[in-house]
Full PDB file with SEQRES, HELIX, SHEET, SSBOND, CRYST1, ORIGX, SCALE, CONECT and MASTER records, all heavy atoms in Angstrom:
SEQRES   1 A   35  VAL GLU SER GLY GLY GLY LEU VAL GLN PRO GLY GLY SER          
SEQRES   2 A   35  LEU ARG LEU SER CYS ALA ALA SER GLY MET LEU PHE SER          
SEQRES   3 A   35  ILE TYR ASN MET GLY TRP TYR ARG GLN                          
HELIX    1 AA1 PHE A   25  ILE A   27  5                                   3    
SHEET    1 AA1 2 GLU A   2  SER A   3  0                                        
SHEET    2 AA1 2 SER A  17  CYS A  18 -1                                        
CRYST1    1.000    1.000    1.000  90.00  90.00  90.00 P 1           1          
ORIGX1      1.000000  0.000000  0.000000        0.00000                         
ORIGX2      0.000000  1.000000  0.000000        0.00000                         
ORIGX3      0.000000  0.000000  1.000000        0.00000                         
SCALE1      1.000000  0.000000  0.000000        0.00000                         
SCALE2      0.000000  1.000000  0.000000        0.00000                         
SCALE3      0.000000  0.000000  1.000000        0.00000                         
ATOM      1  N   VAL A   1     110.511 -73.276 147.325  1.00  0.00           N  
ATOM      2  CA  VAL A   1     110.960 -72.573 148.526  1.00  0.00           C  
ATOM      3  C   VAL A   1     110.741 -71.089 148.273  1.00  0.00           C  
ATOM      4  O   VAL A   1     111.423 -70.483 147.456  1.00  0.00           O  
ATOM      5  CB  VAL A   1     112.441 -72.846 148.836  1.00  0.00           C  
ATOM      6  CG1 VAL A   1     112.876 -72.031 150.054  1.00  0.00           C  
ATOM      7  CG2 VAL A   1     112.653 -74.335 149.085  1.00  0.00           C  
ATOM      8  N   GLU A   2     109.754 -70.541 148.978  1.00  0.00           N  
ATOM      9  CA  GLU A   2     109.405 -69.127 148.822  1.00  0.00           C  
ATOM     10  C   GLU A   2     110.077 -68.325 149.937  1.00  0.00           C  
ATOM     11  O   GLU A   2     110.152 -68.780 151.078  1.00  0.00           O  
ATOM     12  CB  GLU A   2     107.895 -68.934 148.880  1.00  0.00           C  
ATOM     13  CG  GLU A   2     107.165 -69.642 147.758  1.00  0.00           C  
ATOM     14  CD  GLU A   2     105.659 -69.585 147.912  1.00  0.00           C  
ATOM     15  OE1 GLU A   2     105.185 -69.274 149.018  1.00  0.00           O  
ATOM     16  OE2 GLU A   2     104.956 -69.850 146.927  1.00  0.00           O  
ATOM     17  N   SER A   3     110.493 -67.142 149.600  1.00  0.00           N  
ATOM     18  CA  SER A   3     111.143 -66.284 150.588  1.00  0.00           C  
ATOM     19  C   SER A   3     110.944 -64.828 150.200  1.00  0.00           C  
ATOM     20  O   SER A   3     110.529 -64.528 149.077  1.00  0.00           O  
ATOM     21  CB  SER A   3     112.636 -66.613 150.690  1.00  0.00           C  
ATOM     22  OG  SER A   3     113.271 -66.416 149.449  1.00  0.00           O  
ATOM     23  N   GLY A   4     111.253 -63.948 151.146  1.00  0.00           N  
ATOM     24  CA  GLY A   4     111.222 -62.522 150.868  1.00  0.00           C  
ATOM     25  C   GLY A   4     110.049 -61.770 151.452  1.00  0.00           C  
ATOM     26  O   GLY A   4     110.007 -60.542 151.385  1.00  0.00           O  
ATOM     27  N   GLY A   5     109.095 -62.480 152.010  1.00  0.00           N  
ATOM     28  CA  GLY A   5     107.967 -61.798 152.617  1.00  0.00           C  
ATOM     29  C   GLY A   5     108.348 -61.162 153.937  1.00  0.00           C  
ATOM     30  O   GLY A   5     109.454 -61.347 154.447  1.00  0.00           O  
ATOM     31  N   GLY A   6     107.431 -60.389 154.496  1.00  0.00           N  
ATOM     32  CA  GLY A   6     107.690 -59.751 155.772  1.00  0.00           C  
ATOM     33  C   GLY A   6     106.830 -58.539 155.989  1.00  0.00           C  
ATOM     34  O   GLY A   6     105.841 -58.324 155.277  1.00  0.00           O  
ATOM     35  N   LEU A   7     107.217 -57.746 156.964  1.00  0.00           N  
ATOM     36  CA  LEU A   7     106.511 -56.521 157.318  1.00  0.00           C  
ATOM     37  C   LEU A   7     107.236 -55.333 156.707  1.00  0.00           C  
ATOM     38  O   LEU A   7     108.465 -55.195 156.866  1.00  0.00           O  
ATOM     39  CB  LEU A   7     106.446 -56.374 158.837  1.00  0.00           C  
ATOM     40  CG  LEU A   7     105.872 -55.066 159.388  1.00  0.00           C  
ATOM     41  CD1 LEU A   7     104.415 -54.921 158.997  1.00  0.00           C  
ATOM     42  CD2 LEU A   7     106.044 -55.021 160.912  1.00  0.00           C  
ATOM     43  N   VAL A   8     106.498 -54.479 156.042  1.00  0.00           N  
ATOM     44  CA  VAL A   8     107.088 -53.300 155.400  1.00  0.00           C  
ATOM     45  C   VAL A   8     106.129 -52.130 155.557  1.00  0.00           C  
ATOM     46  O   VAL A   8     104.901 -52.326 155.627  1.00  0.00           O  
ATOM     47  CB  VAL A   8     107.403 -53.587 153.916  1.00  0.00           C  
ATOM     48  CG1 VAL A   8     106.128 -53.862 153.138  1.00  0.00           C  
ATOM     49  CG2 VAL A   8     108.202 -52.465 153.279  1.00  0.00           C  
ATOM     50  N   GLN A   9     106.674 -50.940 155.630  1.00  0.00           N  
ATOM     51  CA  GLN A   9     105.835 -49.749 155.740  1.00  0.00           C  
ATOM     52  C   GLN A   9     105.246 -49.379 154.377  1.00  0.00           C  
ATOM     53  O   GLN A   9     105.825 -49.709 153.331  1.00  0.00           O  
ATOM     54  CB  GLN A   9     106.658 -48.584 156.274  1.00  0.00           C  
ATOM     55  CG  GLN A   9     107.089 -48.739 157.718  1.00  0.00           C  
ATOM     56  CD  GLN A   9     107.764 -47.492 158.256  1.00  0.00           C  
ATOM     57  OE1 GLN A   9     108.235 -46.646 157.507  1.00  0.00           O  
ATOM     58  NE2 GLN A   9     107.813 -47.370 159.576  1.00  0.00           N  
ATOM     59  N   PRO A  10     104.135 -48.694 154.391  1.00  0.00           N  
ATOM     60  CA  PRO A  10     103.572 -48.211 153.109  1.00  0.00           C  
ATOM     61  C   PRO A  10     104.604 -47.403 152.334  1.00  0.00           C  
ATOM     62  O   PRO A  10     105.340 -46.607 152.904  1.00  0.00           O  
ATOM     63  CB  PRO A  10     102.396 -47.345 153.565  1.00  0.00           C  
ATOM     64  CG  PRO A  10     101.984 -47.927 154.874  1.00  0.00           C  
ATOM     65  CD  PRO A  10     103.251 -48.370 155.533  1.00  0.00           C  
ATOM     66  N   GLY A  11     104.651 -47.665 151.032  1.00  0.00           N  
ATOM     67  CA  GLY A  11     105.641 -47.031 150.173  1.00  0.00           C  
ATOM     68  C   GLY A  11     106.931 -47.797 150.045  1.00  0.00           C  
ATOM     69  O   GLY A  11     107.775 -47.459 149.200  1.00  0.00           O  
ATOM     70  N   GLY A  12     107.091 -48.825 150.847  1.00  0.00           N  
ATOM     71  CA  GLY A  12     108.307 -49.616 150.820  1.00  0.00           C  
ATOM     72  C   GLY A  12     108.313 -50.671 149.722  1.00  0.00           C  
ATOM     73  O   GLY A  12     107.371 -50.755 148.919  1.00  0.00           O  
ATOM     74  N   SER A  13     109.372 -51.467 149.714  1.00  0.00           N  
ATOM     75  CA  SER A  13     109.560 -52.498 148.685  1.00  0.00           C  
ATOM     76  C   SER A  13     109.907 -53.836 149.305  1.00  0.00           C  
ATOM     77  O   SER A  13     110.485 -53.903 150.399  1.00  0.00           O  
ATOM     78  CB  SER A  13     110.693 -52.083 147.738  1.00  0.00           C  
ATOM     79  OG  SER A  13     110.407 -50.877 147.068  1.00  0.00           O  
ATOM     80  N   LEU A  14     109.545 -54.873 148.594  1.00  0.00           N  
ATOM     81  CA  LEU A  14     109.940 -56.239 148.922  1.00  0.00           C  
ATOM     82  C   LEU A  14     110.205 -56.987 147.635  1.00  0.00           C  
ATOM     83  O   LEU A  14     109.611 -56.676 146.593  1.00  0.00           O  
ATOM     84  CB  LEU A  14     108.852 -56.970 149.706  1.00  0.00           C  
ATOM     85  CG  LEU A  14     108.640 -56.617 151.178  1.00  0.00           C  
ATOM     86  CD1 LEU A  14     107.420 -57.364 151.707  1.00  0.00           C  
ATOM     87  CD2 LEU A  14     109.855 -56.938 152.007  1.00  0.00           C  
ATOM     88  N   ARG A  15     111.072 -57.991 147.721  1.00  0.00           N  
ATOM     89  CA  ARG A  15     111.315 -58.873 146.583  1.00  0.00           C  
ATOM     90  C   ARG A  15     111.063 -60.303 147.018  1.00  0.00           C  
ATOM     91  O   ARG A  15     111.758 -60.827 147.888  1.00  0.00           O  
ATOM     92  CB  ARG A  15     112.743 -58.734 146.087  1.00  0.00           C  
ATOM     93  CG  ARG A  15     113.017 -59.473 144.782  1.00  0.00           C  
ATOM     94  CD  ARG A  15     114.493 -59.551 144.488  1.00  0.00           C  
ATOM     95  NE  ARG A  15     114.781 -59.948 143.121  1.00  0.00           N  
ATOM     96  CZ  ARG A  15     115.921 -60.562 142.751  1.00  0.00           C  
ATOM     97  NH1 ARG A  15     116.839 -60.824 143.649  1.00  0.00           N  
ATOM     98  NH2 ARG A  15     116.103 -60.870 141.496  1.00  0.00           N  
ATOM     99  N   LEU A  16     110.056 -60.912 146.415  1.00  0.00           N  
ATOM    100  CA  LEU A  16     109.749 -62.300 146.686  1.00  0.00           C  
ATOM    101  C   LEU A  16     110.517 -63.199 145.734  1.00  0.00           C  
ATOM    102  O   LEU A  16     110.694 -62.858 144.559  1.00  0.00           O  
ATOM    103  CB  LEU A  16     108.250 -62.555 146.544  1.00  0.00           C  
ATOM    104  CG  LEU A  16     107.316 -61.676 147.377  1.00  0.00           C  
ATOM    105  CD1 LEU A  16     105.862 -62.127 147.161  1.00  0.00           C  
ATOM    106  CD2 LEU A  16     107.673 -61.684 148.832  1.00  0.00           C  
ATOM    107  N   SER A  17     110.923 -64.360 146.249  1.00  0.00           N  
ATOM    108  CA  SER A  17     111.596 -65.361 145.435  1.00  0.00           C  
ATOM    109  C   SER A  17     110.919 -66.702 145.615  1.00  0.00           C  
ATOM    110  O   SER A  17     110.407 -67.010 146.696  1.00  0.00           O  
ATOM    111  CB  SER A  17     113.070 -65.494 145.840  1.00  0.00           C  
ATOM    112  OG  SER A  17     113.769 -64.291 145.661  1.00  0.00           O  
ATOM    113  N   CYS A  18     110.921 -67.479 144.559  1.00  0.00           N  
ATOM    114  CA  CYS A  18     110.357 -68.829 144.601  1.00  0.00           C  
ATOM    115  C   CYS A  18     111.315 -69.728 143.835  1.00  0.00           C  
ATOM    116  O   CYS A  18     111.386 -69.663 142.604  1.00  0.00           O  
ATOM    117  CB  CYS A  18     108.972 -68.846 143.984  1.00  0.00           C  
ATOM    118  SG  CYS A  18     108.265 -70.496 143.796  1.00  0.00           S  
ATOM    119  N   ALA A  19     112.036 -70.558 144.581  1.00  0.00           N  
ATOM    120  CA  ALA A  19     112.980 -71.483 143.974  1.00  0.00           C  
ATOM    121  C   ALA A  19     112.320 -72.847 143.822  1.00  0.00           C  
ATOM    122  O   ALA A  19     111.819 -73.410 144.801  1.00  0.00           O  
ATOM    123  CB  ALA A  19     114.225 -71.590 144.842  1.00  0.00           C  
ATOM    124  N   ALA A  20     112.302 -73.350 142.603  1.00  0.00           N  
ATOM    125  CA  ALA A  20     111.628 -74.603 142.296  1.00  0.00           C  
ATOM    126  C   ALA A  20     112.631 -75.727 142.107  1.00  0.00           C  
ATOM    127  O   ALA A  20     113.748 -75.509 141.646  1.00  0.00           O  
ATOM    128  CB  ALA A  20     110.782 -74.445 141.034  1.00  0.00           C  
ATOM    129  N   SER A  21     112.188 -76.927 142.440  1.00  0.00           N  
ATOM    130  CA  SER A  21     112.983 -78.119 142.189  1.00  0.00           C  
ATOM    131  C   SER A  21     112.058 -79.261 141.833  1.00  0.00           C  
ATOM    132  O   SER A  21     110.853 -79.214 142.108  1.00  0.00           O  
ATOM    133  CB  SER A  21     113.836 -78.474 143.416  1.00  0.00           C  
ATOM    134  OG  SER A  21     113.020 -78.746 144.535  1.00  0.00           O  
ATOM    135  N   GLY A  22     112.624 -80.287 141.192  1.00  0.00           N  
ATOM    136  CA  GLY A  22     111.834 -81.450 140.831  1.00  0.00           C  
ATOM    137  C   GLY A  22     110.978 -81.272 139.598  1.00  0.00           C  
ATOM    138  O   GLY A  22     110.058 -82.064 139.367  1.00  0.00           O  
ATOM    139  N   MET A  23     111.261 -80.246 138.819  1.00  0.00           N  
ATOM    140  CA  MET A  23     110.486 -79.998 137.608  1.00  0.00           C  
ATOM    141  C   MET A  23     111.392 -79.372 136.555  1.00  0.00           C  
ATOM    142  O   MET A  23     112.437 -78.805 136.892  1.00  0.00           O  
ATOM    143  CB  MET A  23     109.319 -79.040 137.902  1.00  0.00           C  
ATOM    144  CG  MET A  23     109.744 -77.714 138.522  1.00  0.00           C  
ATOM    145  SD  MET A  23     108.366 -76.649 139.004  1.00  0.00           S  
ATOM    146  CE  MET A  23     108.180 -75.696 137.508  1.00  0.00           C  
ATOM    147  N   LEU A  24     110.972 -79.481 135.304  1.00  0.00           N  
ATOM    148  CA  LEU A  24     111.707 -78.841 134.230  1.00  0.00           C  
ATOM    149  C   LEU A  24     111.241 -77.389 134.164  1.00  0.00           C  
ATOM    150  O   LEU A  24     110.310 -77.044 133.433  1.00  0.00           O  
ATOM    151  CB  LEU A  24     111.458 -79.567 132.913  1.00  0.00           C  
ATOM    152  CG  LEU A  24     112.274 -79.104 131.699  1.00  0.00           C  
ATOM    153  CD1 LEU A  24     113.759 -79.128 131.983  1.00  0.00           C  
ATOM    154  CD2 LEU A  24     111.948 -79.952 130.476  1.00  0.00           C  
ATOM    155  N   PHE A  25     111.889 -76.561 134.947  1.00  0.00           N  
ATOM    156  CA  PHE A  25     111.431 -75.196 135.203  1.00  0.00           C  
ATOM    157  C   PHE A  25     111.187 -74.405 133.919  1.00  0.00           C  
ATOM    158  O   PHE A  25     110.205 -73.673 133.816  1.00  0.00           O  
ATOM    159  CB  PHE A  25     112.468 -74.485 136.069  1.00  0.00           C  
ATOM    160  CG  PHE A  25     112.111 -73.077 136.450  1.00  0.00           C  
ATOM    161  CD1 PHE A  25     111.282 -72.824 137.536  1.00  0.00           C  
ATOM    162  CD2 PHE A  25     112.604 -71.993 135.730  1.00  0.00           C  
ATOM    163  CE1 PHE A  25     110.945 -71.521 137.889  1.00  0.00           C  
ATOM    164  CE2 PHE A  25     112.276 -70.696 136.077  1.00  0.00           C  
ATOM    165  CZ  PHE A  25     111.442 -70.465 137.165  1.00  0.00           C  
ATOM    166  N   SER A  26     112.043 -74.582 132.927  1.00  0.00           N  
ATOM    167  CA  SER A  26     112.009 -73.705 131.755  1.00  0.00           C  
ATOM    168  C   SER A  26     110.748 -73.846 130.913  1.00  0.00           C  
ATOM    169  O   SER A  26     110.417 -72.945 130.147  1.00  0.00           O  
ATOM    170  CB  SER A  26     113.242 -73.943 130.887  1.00  0.00           C  
ATOM    171  OG  SER A  26     113.259 -75.270 130.428  1.00  0.00           O  
ATOM    172  N   ILE A  27     110.040 -74.947 131.048  1.00  0.00           N  
ATOM    173  CA  ILE A  27     108.856 -75.136 130.211  1.00  0.00           C  
ATOM    174  C   ILE A  27     107.578 -74.662 130.894  1.00  0.00           C  
ATOM    175  O   ILE A  27     106.518 -74.621 130.269  1.00  0.00           O  
ATOM    176  CB  ILE A  27     108.685 -76.600 129.773  1.00  0.00           C  
ATOM    177  CG1 ILE A  27     108.321 -77.488 130.972  1.00  0.00           C  
ATOM    178  CG2 ILE A  27     109.916 -77.096 129.052  1.00  0.00           C  
ATOM    179  CD1 ILE A  27     107.936 -78.908 130.558  1.00  0.00           C  
ATOM    180  N   TYR A  28     107.674 -74.325 132.165  1.00  0.00           N  
ATOM    181  CA  TYR A  28     106.485 -73.955 132.928  1.00  0.00           C  
ATOM    182  C   TYR A  28     106.175 -72.470 132.826  1.00  0.00           C  
ATOM    183  O   TYR A  28     107.087 -71.633 132.780  1.00  0.00           O  
ATOM    184  CB  TYR A  28     106.647 -74.320 134.403  1.00  0.00           C  
ATOM    185  CG  TYR A  28     106.359 -75.760 134.702  1.00  0.00           C  
ATOM    186  CD1 TYR A  28     107.279 -76.753 134.391  1.00  0.00           C  
ATOM    187  CD2 TYR A  28     105.152 -76.133 135.278  1.00  0.00           C  
ATOM    188  CE1 TYR A  28     107.005 -78.077 134.644  1.00  0.00           C  
ATOM    189  CE2 TYR A  28     104.870 -77.454 135.545  1.00  0.00           C  
ATOM    190  CZ  TYR A  28     105.804 -78.425 135.223  1.00  0.00           C  
ATOM    191  OH  TYR A  28     105.518 -79.739 135.478  1.00  0.00           O  
ATOM    192  N   ASN A  29     104.883 -72.159 132.813  1.00  0.00           N  
ATOM    193  CA  ASN A  29     104.429 -70.802 133.038  1.00  0.00           C  
ATOM    194  C   ASN A  29     104.395 -70.593 134.557  1.00  0.00           C  
ATOM    195  O   ASN A  29     103.907 -71.452 135.290  1.00  0.00           O  
ATOM    196  CB  ASN A  29     103.034 -70.584 132.469  1.00  0.00           C  
ATOM    197  CG  ASN A  29     102.982 -70.854 130.980  1.00  0.00           C  
ATOM    198  OD1 ASN A  29     103.868 -70.437 130.230  1.00  0.00           O  
ATOM    199  ND2 ASN A  29     101.979 -71.592 130.542  1.00  0.00           N  
ATOM    200  N   MET A  30     104.920 -69.468 135.013  1.00  0.00           N  
ATOM    201  CA  MET A  30     105.019 -69.209 136.445  1.00  0.00           C  
ATOM    202  C   MET A  30     104.167 -68.005 136.822  1.00  0.00           C  
ATOM    203  O   MET A  30     103.974 -67.078 136.021  1.00  0.00           O  
ATOM    204  CB  MET A  30     106.467 -68.937 136.836  1.00  0.00           C  
ATOM    205  CG  MET A  30     107.438 -70.056 136.501  1.00  0.00           C  
ATOM    206  SD  MET A  30     107.071 -71.599 137.359  1.00  0.00           S  
ATOM    207  CE  MET A  30     107.300 -71.096 139.071  1.00  0.00           C  
ATOM    208  N   GLY A  31     103.679 -68.020 138.041  1.00  0.00           N  
ATOM    209  CA  GLY A  31     102.868 -66.890 138.470  1.00  0.00           C  
ATOM    210  C   GLY A  31     102.943 -66.654 139.961  1.00  0.00           C  
ATOM    211  O   GLY A  31     103.370 -67.536 140.726  1.00  0.00           O  
ATOM    212  N   TRP A  32     102.562 -65.471 140.347  1.00  0.00           N  
ATOM    213  CA  TRP A  32     102.387 -65.117 141.752  1.00  0.00           C  
ATOM    214  C   TRP A  32     100.925 -64.763 141.973  1.00  0.00           C  
ATOM    215  O   TRP A  32     100.348 -63.964 141.221  1.00  0.00           O  
ATOM    216  CB  TRP A  32     103.261 -63.926 142.141  1.00  0.00           C  
ATOM    217  CG  TRP A  32     104.706 -64.250 142.283  1.00  0.00           C  
ATOM    218  CD1 TRP A  32     105.684 -64.069 141.349  1.00  0.00           C  
ATOM    219  CD2 TRP A  32     105.353 -64.799 143.432  1.00  0.00           C  
ATOM    220  NE1 TRP A  32     106.896 -64.491 141.839  1.00  0.00           N  
ATOM    221  CE2 TRP A  32     106.726 -64.939 143.127  1.00  0.00           C  
ATOM    222  CE3 TRP A  32     104.924 -65.205 144.691  1.00  0.00           C  
ATOM    223  CZ2 TRP A  32     107.651 -65.454 144.035  1.00  0.00           C  
ATOM    224  CZ3 TRP A  32     105.834 -65.711 145.590  1.00  0.00           C  
ATOM    225  CH2 TRP A  32     107.184 -65.832 145.258  1.00  0.00           C  
ATOM    226  N   TYR A  33     100.341 -65.385 142.978  1.00  0.00           N  
ATOM    227  CA  TYR A  33      98.981 -65.114 143.391  1.00  0.00           C  
ATOM    228  C   TYR A  33      99.018 -64.617 144.834  1.00  0.00           C  
ATOM    229  O   TYR A  33     100.009 -64.794 145.547  1.00  0.00           O  
ATOM    230  CB  TYR A  33      98.130 -66.380 143.322  1.00  0.00           C  
ATOM    231  CG  TYR A  33      97.813 -66.858 141.925  1.00  0.00           C  
ATOM    232  CD1 TYR A  33      98.796 -67.415 141.107  1.00  0.00           C  
ATOM    233  CD2 TYR A  33      96.522 -66.760 141.405  1.00  0.00           C  
ATOM    234  CE1 TYR A  33      98.510 -67.846 139.821  1.00  0.00           C  
ATOM    235  CE2 TYR A  33      96.219 -67.204 140.122  1.00  0.00           C  
ATOM    236  CZ  TYR A  33      97.217 -67.747 139.348  1.00  0.00           C  
ATOM    237  OH  TYR A  33      96.925 -68.177 138.080  1.00  0.00           O  
ATOM    238  N   ARG A  34      97.903 -64.022 145.257  1.00  0.00           N  
ATOM    239  CA  ARG A  34      97.818 -63.623 146.653  1.00  0.00           C  
ATOM    240  C   ARG A  34      96.411 -63.842 147.175  1.00  0.00           C  
ATOM    241  O   ARG A  34      95.448 -63.863 146.412  1.00  0.00           O  
ATOM    242  CB  ARG A  34      98.218 -62.163 146.837  1.00  0.00           C  
ATOM    243  CG  ARG A  34      97.259 -61.148 146.231  1.00  0.00           C  
ATOM    244  CD  ARG A  34      97.842 -59.732 146.339  1.00  0.00           C  
ATOM    245  NE  ARG A  34      96.932 -58.728 145.827  1.00  0.00           N  
ATOM    246  CZ  ARG A  34      97.252 -57.455 145.672  1.00  0.00           C  
ATOM    247  NH1 ARG A  34      98.493 -57.021 145.993  1.00  0.00           N  
ATOM    248  NH2 ARG A  34      96.375 -56.578 145.208  1.00  0.00           N  
ATOM    249  N   GLN A  35      96.335 -64.016 148.487  1.00  0.00           N  
ATOM    250  CA  GLN A  35      95.038 -64.201 149.133  1.00  0.00           C  
ATOM    251  C   GLN A  35      95.024 -63.427 150.434  1.00  0.00           C  
ATOM    252  O   GLN A  35      95.822 -63.708 151.336  1.00  0.00           O  
ATOM    253  CB  GLN A  35      94.750 -65.680 149.384  1.00  0.00           C  
ATOM    254  CG  GLN A  35      93.345 -65.945 149.881  1.00  0.00           C  
ATOM    255  CD  GLN A  35      92.980 -67.411 149.826  1.00  0.00           C  
ATOM    256  OE1 GLN A  35      93.836 -68.280 149.725  1.00  0.00           O  
ATOM    257  NE2 GLN A  35      91.678 -67.696 149.875  1.00  0.00           N  
TER     258      GLN A  35                                                      
MASTER        0    0    0    1    2    0    0    6  257    1    0    3          
END                                                                             
C-alpha cells in the first residue's frame, strides 16, 4: 500500500510510504523506482 504522492510546488517536500504485507519484510532489500 503506497501513499504520500501528490502535487507539490518546486522546492517542496513529500514523504512516500510503502506498507508491505504477506512477506517477511526484514529479509528483503527495498527500493523506490520512478517512471
